[in-house]
């Protein structure tokens, strides 16, 4: 079994149904787990999603207990791939590099995303996942179905390597260096 995971808020505008429909068309080896956040929960929407998942992909989609944001990376590290389909319906969505992408990365997961420009460029550059050419669930499923376990493991290894580059420690070092540069410039200006 290849274990896909999606982490996030259960908001209607996120079109979570797209991911459920994707599993409908995936090979039987795929199973999708939803780890939803404890806030922004719409119980009626979650209930609808559970019923819909039973209808179109019975036994292949699970809804796990909510997880607090600081526990997500640890919680999802045992999965194989992160799945996120975010249609670029606004400029913000188009350029988005959402938290969940970096949570997948730091959990050492390969990813499968749709062709959202910002995320697609990032995933292609660092080669830790695949970008479906469309948001159509049949096409996303076909993209997943072409993978084998060796390719998924190669992408997972790439994720673990890339995670070091995009860690809080690395980014904080950049901030500290920038602050030192600014202080040096300020000191030089005072000397003038």
N, C-alpha and C. Protein backbone atom coordinates (compact mmCIF):
# COMPACT_ATOMS: atom_id res chain seq x y z
N UNK A 1 0.84 -1.18 0.00
CA UNK A 1 0.00 0.00 0.00
C UNK A 1 0.89 1.24 0.00
N UNK A 2 0.51 2.21 -0.82
CA UNK A 2 1.17 3.52 -0.83
C UNK A 2 0.25 4.47 -0.08
N UNK A 3 0.81 5.03 0.99
CA UNK A 3 0.01 5.84 1.91
C UNK A 3 0.20 7.32 1.61
N UNK A 4 -0.86 7.91 1.05
CA UNK A 4 -0.89 9.35 0.79
C UNK A 4 -1.49 10.04 2.01
N UNK A 5 -1.05 11.28 2.25
CA UNK A 5 -1.60 12.04 3.36
C UNK A 5 -1.85 13.47 2.92
N UNK A 6 -2.94 14.02 3.43
CA UNK A 6 -3.23 15.44 3.25
C UNK A 6 -3.44 16.04 4.63
N UNK A 7 -2.79 17.15 4.86
CA UNK A 7 -2.90 17.86 6.14
C UNK A 7 -3.51 19.22 5.87
N UNK A 8 -4.42 19.66 6.73
CA UNK A 8 -4.93 21.00 6.56
C UNK A 8 -6.28 21.22 7.20
N UNK A 9 -6.80 22.38 6.93
CA UNK A 9 -8.11 22.77 7.45
C UNK A 9 -9.20 22.21 6.56
N UNK A 10 -10.29 21.84 7.17
CA UNK A 10 -11.45 21.33 6.42
C UNK A 10 -12.33 22.50 6.03
N UNK A 11 -11.91 23.22 5.00
CA UNK A 11 -12.64 24.38 4.51
C UNK A 11 -13.21 24.06 3.13
N UNK A 12 -14.46 24.44 2.91
CA UNK A 12 -15.11 24.12 1.65
C UNK A 12 -14.38 24.68 0.44
N UNK A 13 -13.79 25.86 0.57
CA UNK A 13 -13.11 26.46 -0.58
C UNK A 13 -11.80 25.76 -0.94
N UNK A 14 -11.38 24.79 -0.14
CA UNK A 14 -10.16 24.01 -0.45
C UNK A 14 -10.44 22.87 -1.42
N UNK A 15 -11.70 22.61 -1.69
CA UNK A 15 -12.11 21.58 -2.66
C UNK A 15 -11.46 20.22 -2.38
N UNK A 16 -11.59 19.77 -1.16
CA UNK A 16 -11.01 18.49 -0.74
C UNK A 16 -11.59 17.34 -1.55
N UNK A 17 -12.77 17.54 -2.11
CA UNK A 17 -13.37 16.50 -2.95
C UNK A 17 -12.47 16.10 -4.11
N UNK A 18 -11.68 17.04 -4.62
CA UNK A 18 -10.75 16.71 -5.72
C UNK A 18 -9.81 15.58 -5.34
N UNK A 19 -9.32 15.61 -4.09
CA UNK A 19 -8.39 14.56 -3.65
C UNK A 19 -9.12 13.24 -3.44
N UNK A 20 -10.36 13.32 -2.96
CA UNK A 20 -11.16 12.10 -2.80
C UNK A 20 -11.44 11.49 -4.17
N UNK A 21 -11.81 12.32 -5.13
CA UNK A 21 -12.06 11.82 -6.49
C UNK A 21 -10.79 11.25 -7.11
N UNK A 22 -9.65 11.81 -6.79
CA UNK A 22 -8.39 11.28 -7.31
C UNK A 22 -8.21 9.83 -6.87
N UNK A 23 -8.47 9.55 -5.61
CA UNK A 23 -8.32 8.18 -5.10
C UNK A 23 -9.30 7.24 -5.79
N UNK A 24 -10.45 7.73 -6.14
CA UNK A 24 -11.43 6.92 -6.88
C UNK A 24 -10.80 6.32 -8.14
N UNK A 25 -9.93 7.10 -8.80
CA UNK A 25 -9.33 6.67 -10.07
C UNK A 25 -7.92 6.09 -9.93
N UNK A 26 -7.37 6.10 -8.73
CA UNK A 26 -6.03 5.55 -8.51
C UNK A 26 -6.06 4.03 -8.45
N UNK A 27 -4.90 3.45 -8.69
CA UNK A 27 -4.73 2.01 -8.48
C UNK A 27 -5.11 1.67 -7.04
N UNK A 28 -5.49 0.42 -6.84
CA UNK A 28 -5.89 -0.04 -5.51
C UNK A 28 -4.76 0.06 -4.49
N UNK A 29 -3.53 0.21 -4.92
CA UNK A 29 -2.40 0.29 -3.97
C UNK A 29 -2.38 1.62 -3.21
N UNK A 30 -3.16 2.61 -3.64
CA UNK A 30 -3.16 3.92 -2.98
C UNK A 30 -4.27 4.01 -1.92
N UNK A 31 -3.89 4.59 -0.78
CA UNK A 31 -4.84 4.88 0.30
C UNK A 31 -4.55 6.30 0.76
N UNK A 32 -5.58 7.10 0.94
CA UNK A 32 -5.44 8.51 1.34
C UNK A 32 -5.90 8.68 2.78
N UNK A 33 -5.07 9.36 3.56
CA UNK A 33 -5.39 9.69 4.94
C UNK A 33 -5.50 11.21 5.05
N UNK A 34 -6.55 11.66 5.70
CA UNK A 34 -6.70 13.08 5.99
C UNK A 34 -6.36 13.31 7.46
N UNK A 35 -5.45 14.26 7.69
CA UNK A 35 -5.13 14.71 9.05
C UNK A 35 -5.55 16.17 9.08
N UNK A 36 -6.71 16.40 9.64
CA UNK A 36 -7.27 17.75 9.63
C UNK A 36 -6.90 18.49 10.91
N UNK A 37 -6.76 19.78 10.79
CA UNK A 37 -6.37 20.60 11.93
C UNK A 37 -7.56 20.80 12.87
N UNK A 38 -7.29 20.97 14.16
CA UNK A 38 -8.40 21.07 15.13
C UNK A 38 -9.17 22.38 15.06
N UNK A 39 -8.64 23.38 14.40
CA UNK A 39 -9.38 24.62 14.25
C UNK A 39 -9.86 24.72 12.80
N UNK A 40 -10.70 25.65 12.52
CA UNK A 40 -11.31 25.78 11.20
C UNK A 40 -12.04 24.50 10.82
N UNK A 41 -12.65 23.87 11.78
CA UNK A 41 -13.36 22.63 11.50
C UNK A 41 -14.84 22.93 11.28
N UNK A 42 -15.32 22.45 10.18
CA UNK A 42 -16.74 22.56 9.86
C UNK A 42 -17.28 21.13 9.95
N UNK A 43 -17.88 20.76 11.08
CA UNK A 43 -18.32 19.38 11.27
C UNK A 43 -19.24 18.87 10.16
N UNK A 44 -20.10 19.73 9.65
CA UNK A 44 -21.00 19.29 8.58
C UNK A 44 -20.23 18.98 7.30
N UNK A 45 -19.23 19.81 7.01
CA UNK A 45 -18.41 19.56 5.81
C UNK A 45 -17.60 18.28 5.98
N UNK A 46 -17.03 18.07 7.15
CA UNK A 46 -16.26 16.85 7.40
C UNK A 46 -17.17 15.62 7.26
N UNK A 47 -18.36 15.70 7.81
CA UNK A 47 -19.31 14.59 7.69
C UNK A 47 -19.64 14.32 6.21
N UNK A 48 -19.88 15.39 5.47
CA UNK A 48 -20.13 15.26 4.04
C UNK A 48 -18.96 14.57 3.34
N UNK A 49 -17.72 15.01 3.65
CA UNK A 49 -16.53 14.41 3.04
C UNK A 49 -16.41 12.93 3.37
N UNK A 50 -16.70 12.57 4.61
CA UNK A 50 -16.64 11.16 5.01
C UNK A 50 -17.65 10.32 4.24
N UNK A 51 -18.86 10.83 4.10
CA UNK A 51 -19.88 10.11 3.34
C UNK A 51 -19.50 10.01 1.86
N UNK A 52 -18.99 11.10 1.32
CA UNK A 52 -18.59 11.12 -0.08
C UNK A 52 -17.45 10.13 -0.31
N UNK A 53 -16.48 10.09 0.59
CA UNK A 53 -15.35 9.17 0.47
C UNK A 53 -15.84 7.72 0.50
N UNK A 54 -16.78 7.42 1.37
CA UNK A 54 -17.34 6.06 1.43
C UNK A 54 -18.03 5.70 0.13
N UNK A 55 -18.69 6.67 -0.47
CA UNK A 55 -19.45 6.43 -1.70
C UNK A 55 -18.53 6.16 -2.89
N UNK A 56 -17.47 6.97 -3.04
CA UNK A 56 -16.67 6.89 -4.27
C UNK A 56 -15.37 6.09 -4.13
N UNK A 57 -14.89 5.88 -2.92
CA UNK A 57 -13.62 5.16 -2.73
C UNK A 57 -13.65 4.39 -1.42
N UNK A 58 -14.67 3.61 -1.25
CA UNK A 58 -14.90 2.91 0.02
C UNK A 58 -13.67 2.10 0.45
N UNK A 59 -13.28 2.32 1.71
CA UNK A 59 -12.17 1.59 2.30
C UNK A 59 -10.80 2.08 1.90
N UNK A 60 -10.72 3.15 1.10
CA UNK A 60 -9.43 3.64 0.63
C UNK A 60 -9.11 5.04 1.11
N UNK A 61 -9.99 5.60 1.96
CA UNK A 61 -9.77 6.94 2.50
C UNK A 61 -10.10 6.89 3.99
N UNK A 62 -9.19 7.44 4.80
CA UNK A 62 -9.38 7.47 6.25
C UNK A 62 -9.25 8.90 6.75
N UNK A 63 -10.04 9.22 7.75
CA UNK A 63 -9.98 10.51 8.41
C UNK A 63 -9.41 10.27 9.80
N UNK A 64 -8.21 10.77 10.04
CA UNK A 64 -7.54 10.56 11.32
C UNK A 64 -7.88 11.68 12.29
N UNK A 65 -7.53 11.47 13.53
CA UNK A 65 -7.76 12.48 14.57
C UNK A 65 -7.02 13.77 14.22
N UNK A 66 -7.58 14.92 14.60
CA UNK A 66 -6.91 16.20 14.35
C UNK A 66 -5.53 16.25 15.02
N UNK A 67 -4.67 17.07 14.47
CA UNK A 67 -3.31 17.22 14.97
C UNK A 67 -2.99 18.70 15.13
N UNK A 68 -2.33 19.04 16.20
CA UNK A 68 -1.89 20.43 16.40
C UNK A 68 -0.74 20.73 15.43
N UNK A 69 -0.62 21.97 14.98
CA UNK A 69 0.41 22.32 14.00
C UNK A 69 1.83 21.93 14.39
N UNK A 70 2.19 22.04 15.66
CA UNK A 70 3.56 21.72 16.06
C UNK A 70 3.83 20.21 16.10
N UNK A 71 2.82 19.40 15.87
CA UNK A 71 2.98 17.93 15.88
C UNK A 71 2.85 17.31 14.49
N UNK A 72 2.56 18.13 13.48
CA UNK A 72 2.25 17.60 12.16
C UNK A 72 3.41 16.82 11.55
N UNK A 73 4.60 17.39 11.54
CA UNK A 73 5.73 16.73 10.88
C UNK A 73 5.96 15.34 11.47
N UNK A 74 5.99 15.27 12.79
CA UNK A 74 6.18 13.97 13.46
C UNK A 74 5.04 13.01 13.11
N UNK A 75 3.83 13.52 13.09
CA UNK A 75 2.64 12.68 12.86
C UNK A 75 2.61 12.09 11.45
N UNK A 76 3.08 12.83 10.45
CA UNK A 76 2.95 12.36 9.07
C UNK A 76 4.20 11.67 8.53
N UNK A 77 5.26 11.62 9.30
CA UNK A 77 6.53 11.08 8.82
C UNK A 77 6.45 9.61 8.38
N UNK A 78 5.46 8.87 8.85
CA UNK A 78 5.35 7.46 8.49
C UNK A 78 4.63 7.23 7.16
N UNK A 79 4.12 8.30 6.55
CA UNK A 79 3.43 8.16 5.27
C UNK A 79 4.44 8.18 4.12
N UNK A 80 3.95 7.92 2.91
CA UNK A 80 4.83 7.87 1.74
C UNK A 80 4.85 9.18 0.95
N UNK A 81 3.67 9.76 0.78
CA UNK A 81 3.56 10.97 -0.05
C UNK A 81 2.54 11.93 0.53
N UNK A 82 2.83 13.21 0.36
CA UNK A 82 1.86 14.24 0.67
C UNK A 82 1.09 14.58 -0.60
N UNK A 83 -0.19 14.86 -0.46
CA UNK A 83 -1.04 15.19 -1.60
C UNK A 83 -1.72 16.53 -1.34
N UNK A 84 -1.62 17.44 -2.33
CA UNK A 84 -2.30 18.72 -2.20
C UNK A 84 -2.64 19.24 -3.57
N UNK A 85 -3.92 19.52 -3.78
CA UNK A 85 -4.39 20.08 -5.03
C UNK A 85 -5.01 21.44 -4.73
N UNK A 86 -4.27 22.48 -5.03
CA UNK A 86 -4.71 23.86 -4.80
C UNK A 86 -4.84 24.56 -6.14
N UNK A 87 -6.06 24.77 -6.58
CA UNK A 87 -6.26 25.46 -7.85
C UNK A 87 -5.84 26.92 -7.70
N UNK A 88 -5.16 27.48 -8.69
CA UNK A 88 -4.74 28.88 -8.62
C UNK A 88 -5.88 29.83 -8.96
N UNK A 89 -6.87 29.89 -8.07
CA UNK A 89 -8.06 30.71 -8.31
C UNK A 89 -7.84 32.18 -7.97
N UNK A 90 -6.70 32.49 -7.38
CA UNK A 90 -6.36 33.88 -7.06
C UNK A 90 -4.84 34.02 -7.22
N UNK A 91 -4.40 35.25 -7.21
CA UNK A 91 -2.95 35.48 -7.31
C UNK A 91 -2.23 34.82 -6.13
N UNK A 92 -2.80 34.95 -4.93
CA UNK A 92 -2.18 34.33 -3.75
C UNK A 92 -2.05 32.82 -3.91
N UNK A 93 -3.10 32.18 -4.40
CA UNK A 93 -3.01 30.73 -4.62
C UNK A 93 -1.99 30.39 -5.70
N UNK A 94 -1.91 31.23 -6.70
CA UNK A 94 -0.99 30.98 -7.81
C UNK A 94 0.47 30.96 -7.36
N UNK A 95 0.83 31.84 -6.44
CA UNK A 95 2.23 31.92 -6.00
C UNK A 95 2.48 31.21 -4.67
N UNK A 96 1.47 30.55 -4.16
CA UNK A 96 1.54 29.95 -2.81
C UNK A 96 2.65 28.91 -2.67
N UNK A 97 3.33 28.99 -1.53
CA UNK A 97 4.21 27.93 -1.03
C UNK A 97 3.71 27.65 0.38
N UNK A 98 2.63 26.89 0.51
CA UNK A 98 1.96 26.73 1.80
C UNK A 98 2.77 25.92 2.81
N UNK A 99 2.41 26.13 4.08
CA UNK A 99 3.07 25.40 5.16
C UNK A 99 3.09 23.90 4.92
N UNK A 100 1.97 23.36 4.44
CA UNK A 100 1.88 21.91 4.28
C UNK A 100 2.95 21.38 3.33
N UNK A 101 3.35 22.16 2.35
CA UNK A 101 4.41 21.72 1.44
C UNK A 101 5.72 21.51 2.20
N UNK A 102 6.01 22.43 3.11
CA UNK A 102 7.24 22.30 3.90
C UNK A 102 7.09 21.25 5.00
N UNK A 103 5.87 21.05 5.48
CA UNK A 103 5.64 19.97 6.44
C UNK A 103 5.88 18.62 5.77
N UNK A 104 5.40 18.46 4.55
CA UNK A 104 5.67 17.24 3.80
C UNK A 104 7.17 17.06 3.62
N UNK A 105 7.83 18.12 3.23
CA UNK A 105 9.28 18.10 2.99
C UNK A 105 10.03 17.67 4.25
N UNK A 106 9.72 18.29 5.38
CA UNK A 106 10.43 17.99 6.63
C UNK A 106 10.05 16.64 7.22
N UNK A 107 8.93 16.10 6.79
CA UNK A 107 8.56 14.74 7.21
C UNK A 107 9.22 13.70 6.31
N UNK A 108 9.93 14.16 5.27
CA UNK A 108 10.61 13.25 4.36
C UNK A 108 9.67 12.57 3.38
N UNK A 109 8.60 13.27 3.00
CA UNK A 109 7.62 12.69 2.09
C UNK A 109 7.83 13.18 0.66
N UNK A 110 7.62 12.30 -0.29
CA UNK A 110 7.46 12.72 -1.67
C UNK A 110 6.14 13.49 -1.73
N UNK A 111 5.94 14.28 -2.75
CA UNK A 111 4.68 15.01 -2.87
C UNK A 111 4.07 14.82 -4.25
N UNK A 112 2.77 14.96 -4.29
CA UNK A 112 2.03 15.04 -5.54
C UNK A 112 1.16 16.28 -5.43
N UNK A 113 1.34 17.19 -6.38
CA UNK A 113 0.56 18.43 -6.40
C UNK A 113 -0.01 18.63 -7.79
N UNK A 114 -0.93 19.57 -7.87
CA UNK A 114 -1.44 20.00 -9.16
C UNK A 114 -0.54 21.08 -9.72
N UNK A 115 -0.88 21.59 -10.91
CA UNK A 115 -0.01 22.57 -11.57
C UNK A 115 -0.18 24.01 -11.07
N UNK A 116 -0.18 24.19 -9.76
CA UNK A 116 -0.20 25.53 -9.19
C UNK A 116 1.20 26.12 -9.41
N UNK A 117 1.34 27.26 -10.10
CA UNK A 117 2.64 27.72 -10.55
C UNK A 117 3.75 27.81 -9.49
N UNK A 118 3.47 28.43 -8.34
CA UNK A 118 4.51 28.58 -7.32
C UNK A 118 5.00 27.25 -6.79
N UNK A 119 4.06 26.38 -6.41
CA UNK A 119 4.44 25.08 -5.88
C UNK A 119 5.07 24.20 -6.95
N UNK A 120 4.53 24.25 -8.16
CA UNK A 120 5.06 23.42 -9.24
C UNK A 120 6.52 23.75 -9.52
N UNK A 121 6.84 25.04 -9.57
CA UNK A 121 8.23 25.44 -9.82
C UNK A 121 9.14 24.94 -8.71
N UNK A 122 8.70 25.06 -7.48
CA UNK A 122 9.51 24.63 -6.33
C UNK A 122 9.73 23.11 -6.35
N UNK A 123 8.67 22.35 -6.57
CA UNK A 123 8.78 20.89 -6.57
C UNK A 123 9.64 20.42 -7.74
N UNK A 124 9.48 21.02 -8.90
CA UNK A 124 10.30 20.64 -10.06
C UNK A 124 11.77 20.98 -9.83
N UNK A 125 12.03 22.15 -9.25
CA UNK A 125 13.42 22.54 -9.03
C UNK A 125 14.13 21.57 -8.09
N UNK A 126 13.47 21.17 -7.02
CA UNK A 126 14.12 20.35 -6.01
C UNK A 126 13.82 18.86 -6.16
N UNK A 127 12.97 18.49 -7.10
CA UNK A 127 12.72 17.11 -7.51
C UNK A 127 12.34 16.16 -6.38
N UNK A 128 11.47 16.63 -5.48
CA UNK A 128 11.02 15.76 -4.40
C UNK A 128 9.55 15.35 -4.57
N UNK A 129 9.06 15.50 -5.79
CA UNK A 129 7.68 15.11 -6.03
C UNK A 129 7.33 15.18 -7.50
N UNK A 130 6.03 14.99 -7.73
CA UNK A 130 5.52 15.06 -9.10
C UNK A 130 4.43 16.13 -9.17
N UNK A 131 4.33 16.72 -10.35
CA UNK A 131 3.33 17.74 -10.60
C UNK A 131 2.39 17.20 -11.68
N UNK A 132 1.14 17.01 -11.32
CA UNK A 132 0.16 16.56 -12.30
C UNK A 132 -0.08 17.69 -13.31
N UNK A 133 -0.29 17.36 -14.57
CA UNK A 133 -0.48 18.41 -15.58
C UNK A 133 -1.84 19.09 -15.52
N UNK A 134 -2.73 18.61 -14.65
CA UNK A 134 -4.08 19.14 -14.56
C UNK A 134 -4.60 18.89 -13.15
N UNK A 135 -5.69 19.56 -12.80
CA UNK A 135 -6.36 19.30 -11.52
C UNK A 135 -7.46 18.26 -11.68
N UNK A 136 -7.68 17.81 -12.89
CA UNK A 136 -8.70 16.79 -13.14
C UNK A 136 -8.31 15.52 -12.36
N UNK A 137 -9.18 15.01 -11.49
CA UNK A 137 -8.84 13.85 -10.68
C UNK A 137 -8.37 12.64 -11.48
N UNK A 138 -8.92 12.42 -12.67
CA UNK A 138 -8.46 11.30 -13.50
C UNK A 138 -7.02 11.48 -13.94
N UNK A 139 -6.64 12.71 -14.23
CA UNK A 139 -5.27 12.99 -14.67
C UNK A 139 -4.30 12.94 -13.49
N UNK A 140 -4.72 13.45 -12.34
CA UNK A 140 -3.87 13.35 -11.15
C UNK A 140 -3.66 11.87 -10.80
N UNK A 141 -4.73 11.08 -10.88
CA UNK A 141 -4.62 9.64 -10.60
C UNK A 141 -3.69 8.97 -11.60
N UNK A 142 -3.80 9.31 -12.86
CA UNK A 142 -2.90 8.73 -13.87
C UNK A 142 -1.45 9.08 -13.58
N UNK A 143 -1.22 10.30 -13.09
CA UNK A 143 0.14 10.73 -12.73
C UNK A 143 0.66 9.88 -11.58
N UNK A 144 -0.17 9.64 -10.58
CA UNK A 144 0.23 8.79 -9.45
C UNK A 144 0.41 7.33 -9.89
N UNK A 145 -0.48 6.86 -10.74
CA UNK A 145 -0.45 5.45 -11.14
C UNK A 145 0.83 5.07 -11.89
N UNK A 146 1.48 6.05 -12.49
CA UNK A 146 2.71 5.75 -13.23
C UNK A 146 3.92 5.54 -12.32
N UNK A 147 3.79 5.88 -11.04
CA UNK A 147 4.91 5.77 -10.11
C UNK A 147 5.12 4.34 -9.64
N UNK A 148 6.38 4.02 -9.36
CA UNK A 148 6.67 2.77 -8.67
C UNK A 148 7.34 3.11 -7.34
N UNK A 149 7.51 2.11 -6.51
CA UNK A 149 8.03 2.36 -5.16
C UNK A 149 9.45 2.90 -5.18
N UNK A 150 10.25 2.51 -6.18
CA UNK A 150 11.63 3.04 -6.28
C UNK A 150 11.61 4.54 -6.53
N UNK A 151 10.72 4.98 -7.41
CA UNK A 151 10.63 6.41 -7.71
C UNK A 151 10.14 7.19 -6.50
N UNK A 152 9.18 6.65 -5.79
CA UNK A 152 8.69 7.32 -4.58
C UNK A 152 9.81 7.41 -3.55
N UNK A 153 10.57 6.36 -3.39
CA UNK A 153 11.68 6.39 -2.42
C UNK A 153 12.75 7.39 -2.84
N UNK A 154 13.02 7.51 -4.15
CA UNK A 154 13.99 8.50 -4.63
C UNK A 154 13.51 9.91 -4.29
N UNK A 155 12.21 10.17 -4.46
CA UNK A 155 11.66 11.49 -4.14
C UNK A 155 11.69 11.74 -2.64
N UNK A 156 11.46 10.70 -1.86
CA UNK A 156 11.52 10.85 -0.39
C UNK A 156 12.94 11.20 0.05
N UNK A 157 13.92 10.56 -0.57
CA UNK A 157 15.32 10.87 -0.24
C UNK A 157 15.63 12.31 -0.62
N UNK A 158 15.15 12.75 -1.77
CA UNK A 158 15.34 14.14 -2.19
C UNK A 158 14.70 15.09 -1.18
N UNK A 159 13.53 14.74 -0.68
CA UNK A 159 12.85 15.59 0.31
C UNK A 159 13.70 15.71 1.57
N UNK A 160 14.26 14.61 2.03
CA UNK A 160 15.10 14.66 3.25
C UNK A 160 16.33 15.53 3.02
N UNK A 161 16.89 15.48 1.83
CA UNK A 161 18.07 16.29 1.50
C UNK A 161 17.70 17.77 1.42
N UNK A 162 16.60 18.06 0.75
CA UNK A 162 16.16 19.45 0.57
C UNK A 162 15.71 20.06 1.89
N UNK A 163 15.16 19.25 2.77
CA UNK A 163 14.66 19.76 4.06
C UNK A 163 15.76 20.46 4.84
N UNK A 164 16.98 19.97 4.73
CA UNK A 164 18.11 20.59 5.44
C UNK A 164 18.30 22.02 4.94
N UNK A 165 18.18 22.21 3.65
CA UNK A 165 18.38 23.54 3.06
C UNK A 165 17.28 24.52 3.48
N UNK A 166 16.07 24.02 3.67
CA UNK A 166 14.94 24.88 4.00
C UNK A 166 14.48 24.67 5.44
N UNK A 167 15.43 24.64 6.35
CA UNK A 167 15.11 24.46 7.77
C UNK A 167 15.07 25.81 8.46
N UNK A 168 14.46 25.84 9.63
CA UNK A 168 14.41 27.07 10.42
C UNK A 168 15.82 27.55 10.76
N UNK A 169 16.71 26.62 11.07
CA UNK A 169 18.09 27.01 11.42
C UNK A 169 18.77 27.70 10.25
N UNK A 170 18.60 27.16 9.06
CA UNK A 170 19.20 27.77 7.87
C UNK A 170 18.61 29.14 7.59
N UNK A 171 17.30 29.24 7.68
CA UNK A 171 16.64 30.51 7.40
C UNK A 171 16.96 31.56 8.47
N UNK A 172 17.06 31.14 9.73
CA UNK A 172 17.40 32.09 10.80
C UNK A 172 18.83 32.61 10.63
N UNK A 173 19.70 31.77 10.14
CA UNK A 173 21.08 32.21 9.88
C UNK A 173 21.08 33.34 8.85
N UNK A 174 20.22 33.23 7.84
CA UNK A 174 20.10 34.29 6.84
C UNK A 174 19.59 35.58 7.47
N UNK A 175 18.62 35.47 8.36
CA UNK A 175 18.05 36.65 9.02
C UNK A 175 19.11 37.32 9.89
N UNK A 176 19.84 36.52 10.65
CA UNK A 176 20.89 37.06 11.52
C UNK A 176 21.95 37.76 10.68
N UNK A 177 22.38 37.15 9.58
CA UNK A 177 23.38 37.77 8.70
C UNK A 177 22.87 39.08 8.12
N UNK A 178 21.62 39.11 7.73
CA UNK A 178 21.02 40.33 7.20
C UNK A 178 20.99 41.43 8.26
N UNK A 179 20.65 41.07 9.49
CA UNK A 179 20.64 42.05 10.59
C UNK A 179 22.05 42.60 10.83
N UNK A 180 23.04 41.72 10.81
CA UNK A 180 24.43 42.18 10.99
C UNK A 180 24.83 43.15 9.87
N UNK A 181 24.45 42.83 8.63
CA UNK A 181 24.76 43.72 7.51
C UNK A 181 24.11 45.08 7.68
N UNK A 182 22.86 45.08 8.11
CA UNK A 182 22.16 46.35 8.31
C UNK A 182 22.79 47.17 9.43
N UNK A 183 23.18 46.50 10.50
CA UNK A 183 23.84 47.20 11.60
C UNK A 183 25.18 47.77 11.17
N UNK A 184 25.92 47.02 10.36
CA UNK A 184 27.20 47.52 9.84
C UNK A 184 26.99 48.74 8.95
N UNK A 185 25.96 48.71 8.11
CA UNK A 185 25.67 49.84 7.25
C UNK A 185 25.28 51.07 8.08
N UNK A 186 24.49 50.84 9.11
CA UNK A 186 24.08 51.94 9.98
C UNK A 186 25.30 52.54 10.68
N UNK A 187 26.22 51.68 11.10
CA UNK A 187 27.43 52.14 11.76
C UNK A 187 28.29 52.97 10.80
N UNK A 188 28.39 52.55 9.57
CA UNK A 188 29.17 53.29 8.56
C UNK A 188 28.54 54.65 8.27
N UNK A 189 27.22 54.68 8.24
CA UNK A 189 26.52 55.95 7.98
C UNK A 189 26.78 56.93 9.12
N UNK A 190 26.78 56.46 10.35
CA UNK A 190 27.05 57.33 11.50
C UNK A 190 28.47 57.88 11.45
N UNK A 191 29.40 57.10 10.94
CA UNK A 191 30.80 57.55 10.87
C UNK A 191 30.98 58.67 9.88
N UNK A 192 30.08 58.73 8.88
CA UNK A 192 30.20 59.76 7.85
C UNK A 192 29.80 61.07 8.39
